[in-house]
Amino acid sequence: MAEVNAVTDETFEQVVLNADRPIIVDFWATWCGPCRMVAPELEKLANKYSGSIDVVKMDVDANPGVSQALQIMTLPTIAFFRPGQPPMAVVGAMPAEQFEARFGLSQYAKAKTS
């Protein structure tokens, strides 16, 4: 089972911006109800794409620097960072399948071996 780790203002550049593979970042806060709804959906993606895409979360209240720099104004904001490309983001809770479609994640699916 893949783990959804937390990143901070101090670790964001190393973990996310310098990542050698795509990474999904969940910008959330403890007081945000929809953020709690989206967490299990992102865990599904972390498990499905384990080894191909990393999934992390950032508490914007505890780490305001990155969220202010990226102008994260609404929660939850889910951002998809790909090495060498600008990030893509969606706002709001939705099923894992919708995140897959919005971010084009199917290209990162590992081939099933029988």
PDB file of N, CA and C in Angstrom:
ATOM      1  N   MET A   1       0.842  -1.187   0.000  1.00  0.00           N
ATOM      2  CA  MET A   1       0.000   0.000   0.000  1.00  0.00           C
ATOM      3  C   MET A   1       0.882   1.244   0.000  1.00  0.00           C
ATOM      4  N   ALA A   2       0.647   2.143  -0.935  1.00  0.00           N
ATOM      5  CA  ALA A   2       1.425   3.376  -1.032  1.00  0.00           C
ATOM      6  C   ALA A   2       1.001   4.336   0.067  1.00  0.00           C
ATOM      7  N   GLU A   3       1.960   5.085   0.542  1.00  0.00           N
ATOM      8  CA  GLU A   3       1.696   6.037   1.616  1.00  0.00           C
ATOM      9  C   GLU A   3       1.631   7.450   1.046  1.00  0.00           C
ATOM     10  N   VAL A   4       0.702   8.246   1.562  1.00  0.00           N
ATOM     11  CA  VAL A   4       0.602   9.650   1.186  1.00  0.00           C
ATOM     12  C   VAL A   4       1.340  10.430   2.276  1.00  0.00           C
ATOM     13  N   ASN A   5       2.535  10.897   1.947  1.00  0.00           N
ATOM     14  CA  ASN A   5       3.366  11.610   2.912  1.00  0.00           C
ATOM     15  C   ASN A   5       3.054  13.095   2.907  1.00  0.00           C
ATOM     16  N   ALA A   6       3.443  13.757   3.986  1.00  0.00           N
ATOM     17  CA  ALA A   6       3.257  15.201   4.088  1.00  0.00           C
ATOM     18  C   ALA A   6       4.530  15.913   3.634  1.00  0.00           C
ATOM     19  N   VAL A   7       4.347  17.063   2.988  1.00  0.00           N
ATOM     20  CA  VAL A   7       5.467  17.938   2.661  1.00  0.00           C
ATOM     21  C   VAL A   7       5.258  19.258   3.381  1.00  0.00           C
ATOM     22  N   THR A   8       6.339  19.984   3.569  1.00  0.00           N
ATOM     23  CA  THR A   8       6.305  21.262   4.277  1.00  0.00           C
ATOM     24  C   THR A   8       6.914  22.347   3.389  1.00  0.00           C
ATOM     25  N   ASP A   9       6.834  23.580   3.858  1.00  0.00           N
ATOM     26  CA  ASP A   9       7.490  24.665   3.139  1.00  0.00           C
ATOM     27  C   ASP A   9       8.974  24.350   2.942  1.00  0.00           C
ATOM     28  N   GLU A  10       9.582  23.720   3.950  1.00  0.00           N
ATOM     29  CA  GLU A  10      11.011  23.422   3.902  1.00  0.00           C
ATOM     30  C   GLU A  10      11.347  22.267   2.942  1.00  0.00           C
ATOM     31  N   THR A  11      10.443  21.312   2.779  1.00  0.00           N
ATOM     32  CA  THR A  11      10.747  20.136   1.954  1.00  0.00           C
ATOM     33  C   THR A  11      10.118  20.185   0.562  1.00  0.00           C
ATOM     34  N   PHE A  12       9.269  21.154   0.294  1.00  0.00           N
ATOM     35  CA  PHE A  12       8.517  21.199  -0.963  1.00  0.00           C
ATOM     36  C   PHE A  12       9.430  21.210  -2.191  1.00  0.00           C
ATOM     37  N   GLU A  13      10.434  22.067  -2.187  1.00  0.00           N
ATOM     38  CA  GLU A  13      11.304  22.164  -3.362  1.00  0.00           C
ATOM     39  C   GLU A  13      11.991  20.834  -3.642  1.00  0.00           C
ATOM     40  N   GLN A  14      12.562  20.221  -2.609  1.00  0.00           N
ATOM     41  CA  GLN A  14      13.276  18.957  -2.800  1.00  0.00           C
ATOM     42  C   GLN A  14      12.327  17.827  -3.220  1.00  0.00           C
ATOM     43  N   VAL A  15      11.212  17.693  -2.512  1.00  0.00           N
ATOM     44  CA  VAL A  15      10.312  16.561  -2.742  1.00  0.00           C
ATOM     45  C   VAL A  15       9.479  16.738  -4.016  1.00  0.00           C
ATOM     46  N   VAL A  16       8.979  17.934  -4.254  1.00  0.00           N
ATOM     47  CA  VAL A  16       8.046  18.149  -5.365  1.00  0.00           C
ATOM     48  C   VAL A  16       8.737  18.744  -6.591  1.00  0.00           C
ATOM     49  N   LEU A  17       9.347  19.889  -6.432  1.00  0.00           N
ATOM     50  CA  LEU A  17       9.910  20.585  -7.593  1.00  0.00           C
ATOM     51  C   LEU A  17      11.114  19.861  -8.193  1.00  0.00           C
ATOM     52  N   ASN A  18      11.861  19.134  -7.367  1.00  0.00           N
ATOM     53  CA  ASN A  18      13.034  18.409  -7.864  1.00  0.00           C
ATOM     54  C   ASN A  18      12.765  16.920  -8.057  1.00  0.00           C
ATOM     55  N   ALA A  19      11.505  16.518  -8.033  1.00  0.00           N
ATOM     56  CA  ALA A  19      11.148  15.099  -8.185  1.00  0.00           C
ATOM     57  C   ALA A  19      11.520  14.614  -9.583  1.00  0.00           C
ATOM     58  N   ASP A  20      11.913  13.352  -9.672  1.00  0.00           N
ATOM     59  CA  ASP A  20      12.261  12.789 -10.979  1.00  0.00           C
ATOM     60  C   ASP A  20      11.088  12.078 -11.634  1.00  0.00           C
ATOM     61  N   ARG A  21       9.944  12.086 -10.981  1.00  0.00           N
ATOM     62  CA  ARG A  21       8.725  11.535 -11.582  1.00  0.00           C
ATOM     63  C   ARG A  21       7.546  12.423 -11.193  1.00  0.00           C
ATOM     64  N   PRO A  22       6.409  12.251 -11.846  1.00  0.00           N
ATOM     65  CA  PRO A  22       5.244  13.095 -11.544  1.00  0.00           C
ATOM     66  C   PRO A  22       4.808  12.950 -10.087  1.00  0.00           C
ATOM     67  N   ILE A  23       4.221  14.019  -9.579  1.00  0.00           N
ATOM     68  CA  ILE A  23       3.766  14.022  -8.190  1.00  0.00           C
ATOM     69  C   ILE A  23       2.477  14.835  -8.069  1.00  0.00           C
ATOM     70  N   ILE A  24       1.528  14.296  -7.311  1.00  0.00           N
ATOM     71  CA  ILE A  24       0.263  14.976  -7.028  1.00  0.00           C
ATOM     72  C   ILE A  24       0.365  15.563  -5.625  1.00  0.00           C
ATOM     73  N   VAL A  25       0.015  16.851  -5.497  1.00  0.00           N
ATOM     74  CA  VAL A  25       0.048  17.519  -4.203  1.00  0.00           C
ATOM     75  C   VAL A  25      -1.363  17.925  -3.813  1.00  0.00           C
ATOM     76  N   ASP A  26      -1.768  17.487  -2.631  1.00  0.00           N
ATOM     77  CA  ASP A  26      -3.065  17.840  -2.055  1.00  0.00           C
ATOM     78  C   ASP A  26      -2.835  18.998  -1.092  1.00  0.00           C
ATOM     79  N   PHE A  27      -3.261  20.201  -1.481  1.00  0.00           N
ATOM     80  CA  PHE A  27      -3.196  21.361  -0.593  1.00  0.00           C
ATOM     81  C   PHE A  27      -4.490  21.369   0.213  1.00  0.00           C
ATOM     82  N   TRP A  28      -4.376  21.239   1.538  1.00  0.00           N
ATOM     83  CA  TRP A  28      -5.539  21.035   2.394  1.00  0.00           C
ATOM     84  C   TRP A  28      -5.376  21.782   3.717  1.00  0.00           C
ATOM     85  N   ALA A  29      -6.426  21.733   4.544  1.00  0.00           N
ATOM     86  CA  ALA A  29      -6.391  22.274   5.906  1.00  0.00           C
ATOM     87  C   ALA A  29      -7.314  21.427   6.778  1.00  0.00           C
ATOM     88  N   THR A  30      -7.017  21.391   8.061  1.00  0.00           N
ATOM     89  CA  THR A  30      -7.790  20.543   8.987  1.00  0.00           C
ATOM     90  C   THR A  30      -9.256  20.974   9.078  1.00  0.00           C
ATOM     91  N   TRP A  31      -9.548  22.260   8.907  1.00  0.00           N
ATOM     92  CA  TRP A  31     -10.914  22.769   9.031  1.00  0.00           C
ATOM     93  C   TRP A  31     -11.749  22.578   7.768  1.00  0.00           C
ATOM     94  N   CYS A  32     -11.142  22.078   6.701  1.00  0.00           N
ATOM     95  CA  CYS A  32     -11.785  21.983   5.387  1.00  0.00           C
ATOM     96  C   CYS A  32     -12.507  20.639   5.221  1.00  0.00           C
ATOM     97  N   GLY A  33     -13.830  20.667   5.224  1.00  0.00           N
ATOM     98  CA  GLY A  33     -14.619  19.446   5.064  1.00  0.00           C
ATOM     99  C   GLY A  33     -14.371  18.719   3.747  1.00  0.00           C
ATOM    100  N   PRO A  34     -14.422  19.417   2.602  1.00  0.00           N
ATOM    101  CA  PRO A  34     -14.145  18.739   1.333  1.00  0.00           C
ATOM    102  C   PRO A  34     -12.741  18.128   1.273  1.00  0.00           C
ATOM    103  N   CYS A  35     -11.809  18.716   2.019  1.00  0.00           N
ATOM    104  CA  CYS A  35     -10.444  18.155   2.051  1.00  0.00           C
ATOM    105  C   CYS A  35     -10.464  16.747   2.638  1.00  0.00           C
ATOM    106  N   ARG A  36     -11.289  16.550   3.652  1.00  0.00           N
ATOM    107  CA  ARG A  36     -11.394  15.212   4.253  1.00  0.00           C
ATOM    108  C   ARG A  36     -12.043  14.232   3.286  1.00  0.00           C
ATOM    109  N   MET A  37     -12.937  14.735   2.431  1.00  0.00           N
ATOM    110  CA  MET A  37     -13.596  13.876   1.450  1.00  0.00           C
ATOM    111  C   MET A  37     -12.636  13.442   0.341  1.00  0.00           C
ATOM    112  N   VAL A  38     -11.693  14.299  -0.030  1.00  0.00           N
ATOM    113  CA  VAL A  38     -10.801  14.003  -1.141  1.00  0.00           C
ATOM    114  C   VAL A  38      -9.638  13.096  -0.718  1.00  0.00           C
ATOM    115  N   ALA A  39      -9.295  13.081   0.552  1.00  0.00           N
ATOM    116  CA  ALA A  39      -8.139  12.297   1.018  1.00  0.00           C
ATOM    117  C   ALA A  39      -8.213  10.822   0.617  1.00  0.00           C
ATOM    118  N   PRO A  40      -9.337  10.116   0.823  1.00  0.00           N
ATOM    119  CA  PRO A  40      -9.381   8.703   0.419  1.00  0.00           C
ATOM    120  C   PRO A  40      -9.282   8.507  -1.093  1.00  0.00           C
ATOM    121  N   GLU A  41      -9.750   9.481  -1.862  1.00  0.00           N
ATOM    122  CA  GLU A  41      -9.645   9.384  -3.320  1.00  0.00           C
ATOM    123  C   GLU A  41      -8.183   9.483  -3.759  1.00  0.00           C
ATOM    124  N   LEU A  42      -7.434  10.342  -3.095  1.00  0.00           N
ATOM    125  CA  LEU A  42      -6.015  10.472  -3.423  1.00  0.00           C
ATOM    126  C   LEU A  42      -5.227   9.247  -2.954  1.00  0.00           C
ATOM    127  N   GLU A  43      -5.673   8.628  -1.863  1.00  0.00           N
ATOM    128  CA  GLU A  43      -5.034   7.383  -1.429  1.00  0.00           C
ATOM    129  C   GLU A  43      -5.231   6.294  -2.487  1.00  0.00           C
ATOM    130  N   LYS A  44      -6.405   6.272  -3.123  1.00  0.00           N
ATOM    131  CA  LYS A  44      -6.650   5.315  -4.216  1.00  0.00           C
ATOM    132  C   LYS A  44      -5.645   5.535  -5.345  1.00  0.00           C
ATOM    133  N   LEU A  45      -5.420   6.798  -5.695  1.00  0.00           N
ATOM    134  CA  LEU A  45      -4.473   7.106  -6.762  1.00  0.00           C
ATOM    135  C   LEU A  45      -3.049   6.740  -6.356  1.00  0.00           C
ATOM    136  N   ALA A  46      -2.708   6.989  -5.095  1.00  0.00           N
ATOM    137  CA  ALA A  46      -1.371   6.637  -4.610  1.00  0.00           C
ATOM    138  C   ALA A  46      -1.135   5.139  -4.739  1.00  0.00           C
ATOM    139  N   ASN A  47      -2.149   4.349  -4.429  1.00  0.00           N
ATOM    140  CA  ASN A  47      -2.020   2.894  -4.542  1.00  0.00           C
ATOM    141  C   ASN A  47      -1.986   2.444  -5.994  1.00  0.00           C
ATOM    142  N   LYS A  48      -2.867   2.997  -6.800  1.00  0.00           N
ATOM    143  CA  LYS A  48      -2.955   2.579  -8.202  1.00  0.00           C
ATOM    144  C   LYS A  48      -1.686   2.914  -8.983  1.00  0.00           C
ATOM    145  N   TYR A  49      -1.096   4.074  -8.699  1.00  0.00           N
ATOM    146  CA  TYR A  49       0.062   4.529  -9.467  1.00  0.00           C
ATOM    147  C   TYR A  49       1.372   4.438  -8.677  1.00  0.00           C
ATOM    148  N   SER A  50       1.371   3.611  -7.636  1.00  0.00           N
ATOM    149  CA  SER A  50       2.571   3.431  -6.817  1.00  0.00           C
ATOM    150  C   SER A  50       3.760   3.052  -7.706  1.00  0.00           C
ATOM    151  N   GLY A  51       4.858   3.776  -7.544  1.00  0.00           N
ATOM    152  CA  GLY A  51       6.038   3.520  -8.355  1.00  0.00           C
ATOM    153  C   GLY A  51       6.098   4.355  -9.619  1.00  0.00           C
ATOM    154  N   SER A  52       4.955   4.961 -10.018  1.00  0.00           N
ATOM    155  CA  SER A  52       4.917   5.799 -11.223  1.00  0.00           C
ATOM    156  C   SER A  52       4.671   7.268 -10.887  1.00  0.00           C
ATOM    157  N   ILE A  53       3.776   7.494  -9.912  1.00  0.00           N
ATOM    158  CA  ILE A  53       3.403   8.844  -9.491  1.00  0.00           C
ATOM    159  C   ILE A  53       3.394   8.857  -7.967  1.00  0.00           C
ATOM    160  N   ASP A  54       3.988   9.879  -7.370  1.00  0.00           N
ATOM    161  CA  ASP A  54       3.926  10.039  -5.924  1.00  0.00           C
ATOM    162  C   ASP A  54       2.754  10.949  -5.578  1.00  0.00           C
ATOM    163  N   VAL A  55       2.177  10.747  -4.397  1.00  0.00           N
ATOM    164  CA  VAL A  55       1.093  11.599  -3.909  1.00  0.00           C
ATOM    165  C   VAL A  55       1.498  12.097  -2.527  1.00  0.00           C
ATOM    166  N   VAL A  56       1.455  13.421  -2.337  1.00  0.00           N
ATOM    167  CA  VAL A  56       1.794  14.023  -1.055  1.00  0.00           C
ATOM    168  C   VAL A  56       0.714  15.028  -0.684  1.00  0.00           C
ATOM    169  N   LYS A  57       0.727  15.454   0.573  1.00  0.00           N
ATOM    170  CA  LYS A  57      -0.234  16.464   1.007  1.00  0.00           C
ATOM    171  C   LYS A  57       0.491  17.566   1.763  1.00  0.00           C
ATOM    172  N   MET A  58      -0.070  18.771   1.691  1.00  0.00           N
ATOM    173  CA  MET A  58       0.510  19.913   2.375  1.00  0.00           C
ATOM    174  C   MET A  58      -0.572  20.672   3.120  1.00  0.00           C
ATOM    175  N   ASP A  59      -0.418  20.781   4.429  1.00  0.00           N
ATOM    176  CA  ASP A  59      -1.332  21.550   5.272  1.00  0.00           C
ATOM    177  C   ASP A  59      -0.986  23.029   5.078  1.00  0.00           C
ATOM    178  N   VAL A  60      -1.877  23.769   4.426  1.00  0.00           N
ATOM    179  CA  VAL A  60      -1.580  25.158   4.085  1.00  0.00           C
ATOM    180  C   VAL A  60      -1.546  26.068   5.311  1.00  0.00           C
ATOM    181  N   ASP A  61      -2.232  25.704   6.384  1.00  0.00           N
ATOM    182  CA  ASP A  61      -2.184  26.522   7.596  1.00  0.00           C
ATOM    183  C   ASP A  61      -0.825  26.398   8.283  1.00  0.00           C
ATOM    184  N   ALA A  62      -0.280  25.205   8.313  1.00  0.00           N
ATOM    185  CA  ALA A  62       1.024  24.977   8.937  1.00  0.00           C
ATOM    186  C   ALA A  62       2.172  25.389   8.021  1.00  0.00           C
ATOM    187  N   ASN A  63       1.900  25.493   6.718  1.00  0.00           N
ATOM    188  CA  ASN A  63       2.930  25.798   5.715  1.00  0.00           C
ATOM    189  C   ASN A  63       2.419  26.848   4.737  1.00  0.00           C
ATOM    190  N   PRO A  64       2.323  28.094   5.172  1.00  0.00           N
ATOM    191  CA  PRO A  64       1.724  29.120   4.304  1.00  0.00           C
ATOM    192  C   PRO A  64       2.623  29.602   3.167  1.00  0.00           C
ATOM    193  N   GLY A  65       3.911  29.395   3.245  1.00  0.00           N
ATOM    194  CA  GLY A  65       4.838  29.943   2.252  1.00  0.00           C
ATOM    195  C   GLY A  65       4.580  29.451   0.846  1.00  0.00           C
ATOM    196  N   VAL A  66       4.540  28.134   0.655  1.00  0.00           N
ATOM    197  CA  VAL A  66       4.352  27.563  -0.677  1.00  0.00           C
ATOM    198  C   VAL A  66       2.970  27.893  -1.210  1.00  0.00           C
ATOM    199  N   SER A  67       1.945  27.747  -0.371  1.00  0.00           N
ATOM    200  CA  SER A  67       0.588  28.005  -0.859  1.00  0.00           C
ATOM    201  C   SER A  67       0.415  29.469  -1.250  1.00  0.00           C
ATOM    202  N   GLN A  68       1.060  30.384  -0.542  1.00  0.00           N
ATOM    203  CA  GLN A  68       0.993  31.796  -0.929  1.00  0.00           C
ATOM    204  C   GLN A  68       1.763  32.032  -2.222  1.00  0.00           C
ATOM    205  N   ALA A  69       2.935  31.420  -2.349  1.00  0.00           N
ATOM    206  CA  ALA A  69       3.745  31.594  -3.559  1.00  0.00           C
ATOM    207  C   ALA A  69       3.018  31.061  -4.795  1.00  0.00           C
ATOM    208  N   LEU A  70       2.270  29.962  -4.628  1.00  0.00           N
ATOM    209  CA  LEU A  70       1.534  29.361  -5.741  1.00  0.00           C
ATOM    210  C   LEU A  70       0.125  29.940  -5.888  1.00  0.00           C
ATOM    211  N   GLN A  71      -0.225  30.898  -5.038  1.00  0.00           N
ATOM    212  CA  GLN A  71      -1.529  31.552  -5.038  1.00  0.00           C
ATOM    213  C   GLN A  71      -2.679  30.555  -4.872  1.00  0.00           C
ATOM    214  N   ILE A  72      -2.507  29.618  -3.940  1.00  0.00           N
ATOM    215  CA  ILE A  72      -3.578  28.670  -3.600  1.00  0.00           C
ATOM    216  C   ILE A  72      -4.581  29.435  -2.748  1.00  0.00           C
ATOM    217  N   MET A  73      -5.768  29.682  -3.295  1.00  0.00           N
ATOM    218  CA  MET A  73      -6.776  30.485  -2.606  1.00  0.00           C
ATOM    219  C   MET A  73      -7.985  29.674  -2.151  1.00  0.00           C
ATOM    220  N   THR A  74      -8.198  28.512  -2.739  1.00  0.00           N
ATOM    221  CA  THR A  74      -9.377  27.699  -2.444  1.00  0.00           C
ATOM    222  C   THR A  74      -8.927  26.285  -2.122  1.00  0.00           C
ATOM    223  N   LEU A  75      -9.583  25.684  -1.135  1.00  0.00           N
ATOM    224  CA  LEU A  75      -9.245  24.313  -0.729  1.00  0.00           C
ATOM    225  C   LEU A  75     -10.429  23.389  -0.935  1.00  0.00           C
ATOM    226  N   PRO A  76     -10.156  22.125  -1.212  1.00  0.00           N
ATOM    227  CA  PRO A  76      -8.840  21.603  -1.532  1.00  0.00           C
ATOM    228  C   PRO A  76      -8.432  21.987  -2.952  1.00  0.00           C
ATOM    229  N   THR A  77      -7.144  22.226  -3.129  1.00  0.00           N
ATOM    230  CA  THR A  77      -6.560  22.367  -4.461  1.00  0.00           C
ATOM    231  C   THR A  77      -5.644  21.173  -4.652  1.00  0.00           C
ATOM    232  N   ILE A  78      -5.843  20.459  -5.734  1.00  0.00           N
ATOM    233  CA  ILE A  78      -5.020  19.301  -6.058  1.00  0.00           C
ATOM    234  C   ILE A  78      -4.184  19.684  -7.272  1.00  0.00           C
ATOM    235  N   ALA A  79      -2.863  19.630  -7.118  1.00  0.00           N
ATOM    236  CA  ALA A  79      -1.960  20.042  -8.195  1.00  0.00           C
ATOM    237  C   ALA A  79      -1.145  18.848  -8.675  1.00  0.00           C
ATOM    238  N   PHE A  80      -0.912  18.804  -9.975  1.00  0.00           N
ATOM    239  CA  PHE A  80      -0.146  17.730 -10.600  1.00  0.00           C
ATOM    240  C   PHE A  80       1.123  18.339 -11.182  1.00  0.00           C
ATOM    241  N   PHE A  81       2.254  17.941 -10.618  1.00  0.00           N
ATOM    242  CA  PHE A  81       3.559  18.443 -11.053  1.00  0.00           C
ATOM    243  C   PHE A  81       4.262  17.356 -11.857  1.00  0.00           C
ATOM    244  N   ARG A  82       4.704  17.718 -13.069  1.00  0.00           N
ATOM    245  CA  ARG A  82       5.464  16.802 -13.916  1.00  0.00           C
ATOM    246  C   ARG A  82       6.819  17.426 -14.168  1.00  0.00           C
ATOM    247  N   PRO A  83       7.887  16.644 -14.085  1.00  0.00           N
ATOM    248  CA  PRO A  83       9.225  17.208 -14.287  1.00  0.00           C
ATOM    249  C   PRO A  83       9.320  17.971 -15.608  1.00  0.00           C
ATOM    250  N   GLY A  84       9.813  19.211 -15.512  1.00  0.00           N
ATOM    251  CA  GLY A  84      10.033  20.013 -16.698  1.00  0.00           C
ATOM    252  C   GLY A  84       8.801  20.639 -17.319  1.00  0.00           C
ATOM    253  N   GLN A  85       7.641  20.526 -16.659  1.00  0.00           N
ATOM    254  CA  GLN A  85       6.407  21.087 -17.211  1.00  0.00           C
ATOM    255  C   GLN A  85       5.694  21.898 -16.139  1.00  0.00           C
ATOM    256  N   PRO A  86       4.875  22.878 -16.538  1.00  0.00           N
ATOM    257  CA  PRO A  86       4.134  23.644 -15.541  1.00  0.00           C
ATOM    258  C   PRO A  86       3.095  22.759 -14.851  1.00  0.00           C
ATOM    259  N   PRO A  87       2.821  23.056 -13.582  1.00  0.00           N
ATOM    260  CA  PRO A  87       1.821  22.246 -12.866  1.00  0.00           C
ATOM    261  C   PRO A  87       0.414  22.485 -13.387  1.00  0.00           C
ATOM    262  N   MET A  88      -0.433  21.484 -13.207  1.00  0.00           N
ATOM    263  CA  MET A  88      -1.862  21.605 -13.508  1.00  0.00           C
ATOM    264  C   MET A  88      -2.581  21.494 -12.171  1.00  0.00           C
ATOM    265  N   ALA A  89      -3.714  22.174 -12.014  1.00  0.00           N
ATOM    266  CA  ALA A  89      -4.427  22.115 -10.740  1.00  0.00           C
ATOM    267  C   ALA A  89      -5.936  22.081 -10.954  1.00  0.00           C
ATOM    268  N   VAL A  90      -6.598  21.421 -10.029  1.00  0.00           N
ATOM    269  CA  VAL A  90      -8.052  21.432  -9.970  1.00  0.00           C
ATOM    270  C   VAL A  90      -8.453  21.759  -8.533  1.00  0.00           C
ATOM    271  N   VAL A  91      -9.610  22.379  -8.391  1.00  0.00           N
ATOM    272  CA  VAL A  91     -10.106  22.773  -7.081  1.00  0.00           C
ATOM    273  C   VAL A  91     -11.350  21.968  -6.766  1.00  0.00           C
ATOM    274  N   GLY A  92     -11.425  21.471  -5.538  1.00  0.00           N
ATOM    275  CA  GLY A  92     -12.615  20.780  -5.082  1.00  0.00           C
ATOM    276  C   GLY A  92     -12.444  19.284  -4.990  1.00  0.00           C
ATOM    277  N   ALA A  93     -13.360  18.672  -4.252  1.00  0.00           N
ATOM    278  CA  ALA A  93     -13.347  17.221  -4.069  1.00  0.00           C
ATOM    279  C   ALA A  93     -14.037  16.558  -5.248  1.00  0.00           C
ATOM    280  N   MET A  94     -13.473  15.453  -5.696  1.00  0.00           N
ATOM    281  CA  MET A  94     -14.063  14.672  -6.772  1.00  0.00           C
ATOM    282  C   MET A  94     -13.552  13.244  -6.671  1.00  0.00           C
ATOM    283  N   PRO A  95     -14.184  12.299  -7.345  1.00  0.00           N
ATOM    284  CA  PRO A  95     -13.716  10.914  -7.316  1.00  0.00           C
ATOM    285  C   PRO A  95     -12.347  10.775  -7.984  1.00  0.00           C
ATOM    286  N   ALA A  96     -11.614   9.742  -7.596  1.00  0.00           N
ATOM    287  CA  ALA A  96     -10.285   9.474  -8.139  1.00  0.00           C
ATOM    288  C   ALA A  96     -10.303   9.443  -9.662  1.00  0.00           C
ATOM    289  N   GLU A  97     -11.356   8.876 -10.241  1.00  0.00           N
ATOM    290  CA  GLU A  97     -11.448   8.756 -11.696  1.00  0.00           C
ATOM    291  C   GLU A  97     -11.459  10.127 -12.383  1.00  0.00           C
ATOM    292  N   GLN A  98     -12.053  11.109 -11.732  1.00  0.00           N
ATOM    293  CA  GLN A  98     -12.072  12.450 -12.324  1.00  0.00           C
ATOM    294  C   GLN A  98     -10.691  13.099 -12.275  1.00  0.00           C
ATOM    295  N   PHE A  99      -9.953  12.857 -11.190  1.00  0.00           N
ATOM    296  CA  PHE A  99      -8.571  13.353 -11.138  1.00  0.00           C
ATOM    297  C   PHE A  99      -7.743  12.686 -12.239  1.00  0.00           C
ATOM    298  N   GLU A 100      -7.956  11.381 -12.423  1.00  0.00           N
ATOM    299  CA  GLU A 100      -7.235  10.651 -13.473  1.00  0.00           C
ATOM    300  C   GLU A 100      -7.496  11.286 -14.837  1.00  0.00           C
ATOM    301  N   ALA A 101      -8.756  11.583 -15.124  1.00  0.00           N
ATOM    302  CA  ALA A 101      -9.123  12.153 -16.416  1.00  0.00           C
ATOM    303  C   ALA A 101      -8.564  13.574 -16.571  1.00  0.00           C
ATOM    304  N   ARG A 102      -8.701  14.396 -15.546  1.00  0.00           N
ATOM    305  CA  ARG A 102      -8.248  15.788 -15.621  1.00  0.00           C
ATOM    306  C   ARG A 102      -6.734  15.883 -15.827  1.00  0.00           C
ATOM    307  N   PHE A 103      -5.989  14.995 -15.161  1.00  0.00           N
ATOM    308  CA  PHE A 103      -4.529  15.046 -15.214  1.00  0.00           C
ATOM    309  C   PHE A 103      -3.930  14.100 -16.262  1.00  0.00           C
ATOM    310  N   GLY A 104      -4.772  13.316 -16.931  1.00  0.00           N
ATOM    311  CA  GLY A 104      -4.264  12.382 -17.935  1.00  0.00           C
ATOM    312  C   GLY A 104      -3.363  11.312 -17.339  1.00  0.00           C
ATOM    313  N   LEU A 105      -3.756  10.774 -16.199  1.00  0.00           N
ATOM    314  CA  LEU A 105      -2.897   9.843 -15.472  1.00  0.00           C
ATOM    315  C   LEU A 105      -2.781   8.468 -16.122  1.00  0.00           C
ATOM    316  N   SER A 106      -3.709   8.105 -17.003  1.00  0.00           N
ATOM    317  CA  SER A 106      -3.685   6.759 -17.579  1.00  0.00           C
ATOM    318  C   SER A 106      -2.374   6.452 -18.288  1.00  0.00           C
ATOM    319  N   GLN A 107      -1.699   7.474 -18.798  1.00  0.00           N
ATOM    320  CA  GLN A 107      -0.410   7.251 -19.471  1.00  0.00           C
ATOM    321  C   GLN A 107       0.676   6.772 -18.507  1.00  0.00           C
ATOM    322  N   TYR A 108       0.433   6.920 -17.196  1.00  0.00           N
ATOM    323  CA  TYR A 108       1.416   6.511 -16.200  1.00  0.00           C
ATOM    324  C   TYR A 108       1.104   5.134 -15.599  1.00  0.00           C
ATOM    325  N   ALA A 109      -0.005   4.533 -16.028  1.00  0.00           N
ATOM    326  CA  ALA A 109      -0.396   3.224 -15.492  1.00  0.00           C
ATOM    327  C   ALA A 109       0.621   2.183 -15.919  1.00  0.00           C
ATOM    328  N   LYS A 110       0.987   1.331 -14.983  1.00  0.00           N
ATOM    329  CA  LYS A 110       1.913   0.252 -15.296  1.00  0.00           C
ATOM    330  C   LYS A 110       1.149  -0.859 -16.005  1.00  0.00           C
ATOM    331  N   ALA A 111       1.772  -1.486 -16.976  1.00  0.00           N
ATOM    332  CA  ALA A 111       1.145  -2.591 -17.686  1.00  0.00           C
ATOM    333  C   ALA A 111       0.942  -3.770 -16.738  1.00  0.00           C
ATOM    334  N   LYS A 112      -0.212  -4.358 -16.799  1.00  0.00           N
ATOM    335  CA  LYS A 112      -0.510  -5.524 -15.962  1.00  0.00           C
ATOM    336  C   LYS A 112       0.164  -6.742 -16.572  1.00  0.00           C
ATOM    337  N   THR A 113       0.827  -7.515 -15.733  1.00  0.00           N
ATOM    338  CA  THR A 113       1.468  -8.732 -16.212  1.00  0.00           C
ATOM    339  C   THR A 113       0.704  -9.933 -15.684  1.00  0.00           C
ATOM    340  N   SER A 114       0.493 -10.935 -16.517  1.00  0.00           N
ATOM    341  CA  SER A 114      -0.280 -12.086 -16.092  1.00  0.00           C
ATOM    342  C   SER A 114       0.631 -13.210 -15.696  1.00  0.00           C
TER     343      SER A 114
END
